[in-house]
Amino acid sequence: MAKKAEYIVIDGCIQEGKEVFLPGQPYSPPTAEIRDDLVGRKVIAVITDPAAQAAVRAANAADEDKGGTGDDLLQQGGGS
């Protein structure tokens, strides 16, 4: 079972191998050092952070504009 993501991408994107995490998607940093760096640069935020919630709402709105359900983004990411 995959670990539940505790962070949301809020700015830019993150690439891990072939997987890309876009703003509004859940993300689980592989190490504490990477987590601290990304949090410090405000690339990711804790899921409960208002900036993270705003990124999710913006991503869902963009997805709905393209004809998606809005839930697609939350089901895609999450890190392995």
N, C-alpha and C. Protein backbone atom coordinates (compact mmCIF):
# COMPACT_ATOMS: atom_id res chain seq x y z
N MET A 1 0.84 -1.17 0.00
CA MET A 1 0.00 0.00 0.00
C MET A 1 0.89 1.24 0.00
N ALA A 2 0.60 2.18 -0.86
CA ALA A 2 1.39 3.41 -0.97
C ALA A 2 1.15 4.31 0.23
N LYS A 3 2.21 4.99 0.63
CA LYS A 3 2.12 5.94 1.73
C LYS A 3 1.26 7.12 1.30
N LYS A 4 0.38 7.56 2.20
CA LYS A 4 -0.49 8.70 1.90
C LYS A 4 0.34 9.98 1.84
N ALA A 5 0.11 10.76 0.80
CA ALA A 5 0.84 12.01 0.64
C ALA A 5 0.46 13.00 1.72
N GLU A 6 1.46 13.68 2.25
CA GLU A 6 1.23 14.69 3.28
C GLU A 6 1.41 16.10 2.73
N TYR A 7 1.85 16.19 1.47
CA TYR A 7 2.15 17.48 0.86
C TYR A 7 1.45 17.62 -0.48
N ILE A 8 1.30 18.87 -0.92
CA ILE A 8 0.71 19.20 -2.21
C ILE A 8 1.72 20.08 -2.95
N VAL A 9 1.88 19.84 -4.24
CA VAL A 9 2.72 20.71 -5.05
C VAL A 9 1.96 22.03 -5.22
N ILE A 10 2.62 23.14 -4.87
CA ILE A 10 1.93 24.43 -4.95
C ILE A 10 2.54 25.36 -5.99
N ASP A 11 3.77 25.07 -6.45
CA ASP A 11 4.42 25.95 -7.42
C ASP A 11 5.36 25.13 -8.28
N GLY A 12 5.27 25.30 -9.59
CA GLY A 12 6.13 24.56 -10.49
C GLY A 12 5.71 23.11 -10.58
N CYS A 13 6.65 22.25 -10.94
CA CYS A 13 6.38 20.82 -10.99
C CYS A 13 7.60 20.08 -10.48
N ILE A 14 7.40 18.82 -10.14
CA ILE A 14 8.47 17.97 -9.62
C ILE A 14 8.52 16.72 -10.48
N GLN A 15 9.72 16.35 -10.91
CA GLN A 15 9.87 15.13 -11.69
C GLN A 15 10.72 14.15 -10.91
N GLU A 16 10.21 12.93 -10.77
CA GLU A 16 10.93 11.82 -10.16
C GLU A 16 10.92 10.69 -11.17
N GLY A 17 12.03 10.47 -11.83
CA GLY A 17 12.07 9.46 -12.87
C GLY A 17 11.12 9.85 -13.98
N LYS A 18 10.20 8.96 -14.31
CA LYS A 18 9.22 9.23 -15.37
C LYS A 18 7.97 9.92 -14.84
N GLU A 19 7.84 10.01 -13.53
CA GLU A 19 6.63 10.58 -12.93
C GLU A 19 6.79 12.09 -12.73
N VAL A 20 5.76 12.85 -13.11
CA VAL A 20 5.76 14.30 -12.95
C VAL A 20 4.58 14.70 -12.08
N PHE A 21 4.85 15.53 -11.08
CA PHE A 21 3.82 16.02 -10.17
C PHE A 21 3.58 17.49 -10.48
N LEU A 22 2.34 17.84 -10.79
CA LEU A 22 1.96 19.19 -11.17
C LEU A 22 1.31 19.92 -10.00
N PRO A 23 1.20 21.25 -10.08
CA PRO A 23 0.54 21.99 -9.00
C PRO A 23 -0.86 21.43 -8.69
N GLY A 24 -1.13 21.28 -7.40
CA GLY A 24 -2.42 20.74 -6.96
C GLY A 24 -2.39 19.24 -6.73
N GLN A 25 -1.30 18.58 -7.14
CA GLN A 25 -1.23 17.13 -6.96
C GLN A 25 -0.54 16.78 -5.65
N PRO A 26 -0.98 15.67 -5.03
CA PRO A 26 -0.32 15.20 -3.81
C PRO A 26 1.10 14.75 -4.13
N TYR A 27 2.00 14.90 -3.17
CA TYR A 27 3.40 14.52 -3.36
C TYR A 27 3.98 14.07 -2.03
N SER A 28 4.70 12.97 -2.05
CA SER A 28 5.41 12.47 -0.87
C SER A 28 6.90 12.50 -1.15
N PRO A 29 7.63 13.43 -0.54
CA PRO A 29 9.07 13.52 -0.77
C PRO A 29 9.77 12.23 -0.33
N PRO A 30 10.77 11.79 -1.10
CA PRO A 30 11.45 10.54 -0.77
C PRO A 30 12.37 10.64 0.45
N THR A 31 12.86 11.84 0.77
CA THR A 31 13.75 12.01 1.92
C THR A 31 13.39 13.29 2.67
N ALA A 32 13.81 13.35 3.91
CA ALA A 32 13.58 14.55 4.72
C ALA A 32 14.35 15.74 4.15
N GLU A 33 15.53 15.50 3.61
CA GLU A 33 16.33 16.58 3.03
C GLU A 33 15.62 17.21 1.83
N ILE A 34 15.07 16.39 0.95
CA ILE A 34 14.32 16.90 -0.21
C ILE A 34 13.07 17.62 0.26
N ARG A 35 12.39 17.03 1.23
CA ARG A 35 11.19 17.68 1.78
C ARG A 35 11.51 19.07 2.31
N ASP A 36 12.55 19.17 3.12
CA ASP A 36 12.91 20.46 3.71
C ASP A 36 13.28 21.48 2.64
N ASP A 37 13.99 21.04 1.61
CA ASP A 37 14.36 21.94 0.52
C ASP A 37 13.13 22.44 -0.23
N LEU A 38 12.22 21.53 -0.59
CA LEU A 38 11.03 21.91 -1.35
C LEU A 38 10.07 22.77 -0.52
N VAL A 39 9.94 22.47 0.76
CA VAL A 39 9.10 23.30 1.63
C VAL A 39 9.72 24.69 1.77
N GLY A 40 11.04 24.73 1.96
CA GLY A 40 11.74 26.00 2.11
C GLY A 40 11.64 26.89 0.88
N ARG A 41 11.64 26.27 -0.30
CA ARG A 41 11.51 27.03 -1.56
C ARG A 41 10.06 27.24 -1.96
N LYS A 42 9.13 26.79 -1.12
CA LYS A 42 7.68 26.93 -1.34
C LYS A 42 7.22 26.28 -2.64
N VAL A 43 7.79 25.09 -2.92
CA VAL A 43 7.37 24.29 -4.07
C VAL A 43 6.26 23.34 -3.61
N ILE A 44 6.35 22.88 -2.36
CA ILE A 44 5.31 22.03 -1.77
C ILE A 44 4.87 22.63 -0.44
N ALA A 45 3.68 22.24 -0.01
CA ALA A 45 3.17 22.68 1.29
C ALA A 45 2.39 21.53 1.91
N VAL A 46 2.29 21.55 3.24
CA VAL A 46 1.51 20.55 3.95
C VAL A 46 0.08 20.63 3.44
N ILE A 47 -0.56 19.48 3.31
CA ILE A 47 -1.91 19.38 2.74
C ILE A 47 -2.90 20.33 3.39
N THR A 48 -2.76 20.60 4.68
CA THR A 48 -3.71 21.47 5.38
C THR A 48 -3.39 22.96 5.23
N ASP A 49 -2.25 23.28 4.64
CA ASP A 49 -1.84 24.68 4.45
C ASP A 49 -2.79 25.36 3.47
N PRO A 50 -3.19 26.60 3.74
CA PRO A 50 -4.09 27.32 2.83
C PRO A 50 -3.54 27.41 1.39
N ALA A 51 -2.23 27.53 1.24
CA ALA A 51 -1.64 27.59 -0.10
C ALA A 51 -1.84 26.26 -0.84
N ALA A 52 -1.76 25.15 -0.12
CA ALA A 52 -1.98 23.83 -0.72
C ALA A 52 -3.44 23.69 -1.14
N GLN A 53 -4.35 24.11 -0.29
CA GLN A 53 -5.77 24.03 -0.63
C GLN A 53 -6.10 24.90 -1.84
N ALA A 54 -5.48 26.07 -1.93
CA ALA A 54 -5.70 26.95 -3.08
C ALA A 54 -5.18 26.30 -4.35
N ALA A 55 -4.03 25.62 -4.28
CA ALA A 55 -3.47 24.95 -5.45
C ALA A 55 -4.38 23.82 -5.92
N VAL A 56 -4.95 23.08 -4.98
CA VAL A 56 -5.89 21.99 -5.33
C VAL A 56 -7.13 22.57 -6.00
N ARG A 57 -7.69 23.64 -5.43
CA ARG A 57 -8.88 24.26 -6.02
C ARG A 57 -8.59 24.78 -7.43
N ALA A 58 -7.43 25.41 -7.62
CA ALA A 58 -7.07 25.93 -8.94
C ALA A 58 -6.89 24.80 -9.95
N ALA A 59 -6.25 23.72 -9.53
CA ALA A 59 -6.04 22.58 -10.42
C ALA A 59 -7.37 21.93 -10.78
N ASN A 60 -8.26 21.80 -9.80
CA ASN A 60 -9.58 21.22 -10.07
C ASN A 60 -10.39 22.10 -11.01
N ALA A 61 -10.31 23.42 -10.84
CA ALA A 61 -11.04 24.34 -11.72
C ALA A 61 -10.50 24.23 -13.15
N ALA A 62 -9.20 24.13 -13.29
CA ALA A 62 -8.59 24.00 -14.63
C ALA A 62 -9.01 22.68 -15.26
N ASP A 63 -9.07 21.61 -14.44
CA ASP A 63 -9.47 20.31 -14.95
C ASP A 63 -10.93 20.33 -15.39
N GLU A 64 -11.79 20.99 -14.62
CA GLU A 64 -13.21 21.08 -14.98
C GLU A 64 -13.39 21.87 -16.27
N ASP A 65 -12.57 22.91 -16.46
CA ASP A 65 -12.63 23.68 -17.71
C ASP A 65 -12.31 22.82 -18.92
N LYS A 66 -11.50 21.77 -18.70
CA LYS A 66 -11.12 20.86 -19.79
C LYS A 66 -12.08 19.69 -19.90
N GLY A 67 -13.12 19.67 -19.09
CA GLY A 67 -14.12 18.60 -19.17
C GLY A 67 -13.87 17.45 -18.23
N GLY A 68 -12.91 17.57 -17.29
CA GLY A 68 -12.64 16.51 -16.33
C GLY A 68 -13.59 16.57 -15.16
N THR A 69 -13.40 15.65 -14.22
CA THR A 69 -14.29 15.59 -13.06
C THR A 69 -13.80 16.42 -11.90
N GLY A 70 -12.53 16.84 -11.93
CA GLY A 70 -11.99 17.57 -10.80
C GLY A 70 -11.34 16.65 -9.79
N ASP A 71 -11.71 15.37 -9.77
CA ASP A 71 -11.12 14.41 -8.86
C ASP A 71 -9.90 13.73 -9.48
N ASP A 72 -9.72 13.90 -10.77
CA ASP A 72 -8.64 13.23 -11.48
C ASP A 72 -7.28 13.54 -10.88
N LEU A 73 -7.02 14.79 -10.51
CA LEU A 73 -5.72 15.18 -10.01
C LEU A 73 -5.39 14.51 -8.70
N LEU A 74 -6.38 14.36 -7.85
CA LEU A 74 -6.12 13.72 -6.56
C LEU A 74 -5.87 12.23 -6.71
N GLN A 75 -6.34 11.63 -7.77
CA GLN A 75 -6.16 10.21 -7.98
C GLN A 75 -4.86 9.90 -8.71
N GLN A 76 -4.25 10.88 -9.38
CA GLN A 76 -3.06 10.63 -10.19
C GLN A 76 -1.79 10.50 -9.37
N GLY A 77 -1.48 11.53 -8.59
CA GLY A 77 -0.18 11.62 -7.93
C GLY A 77 -0.10 10.78 -6.69
N GLY A 78 0.76 11.20 -5.78
CA GLY A 78 0.84 10.51 -4.52
C GLY A 78 2.20 9.90 -4.23
N GLY A 79 3.07 9.78 -5.22
CA GLY A 79 4.40 9.22 -4.99
C GLY A 79 4.33 7.77 -4.60
N SER A 80 5.36 7.06 -4.94
CA SER A 80 5.41 5.64 -4.63
C SER A 80 6.51 5.33 -3.67
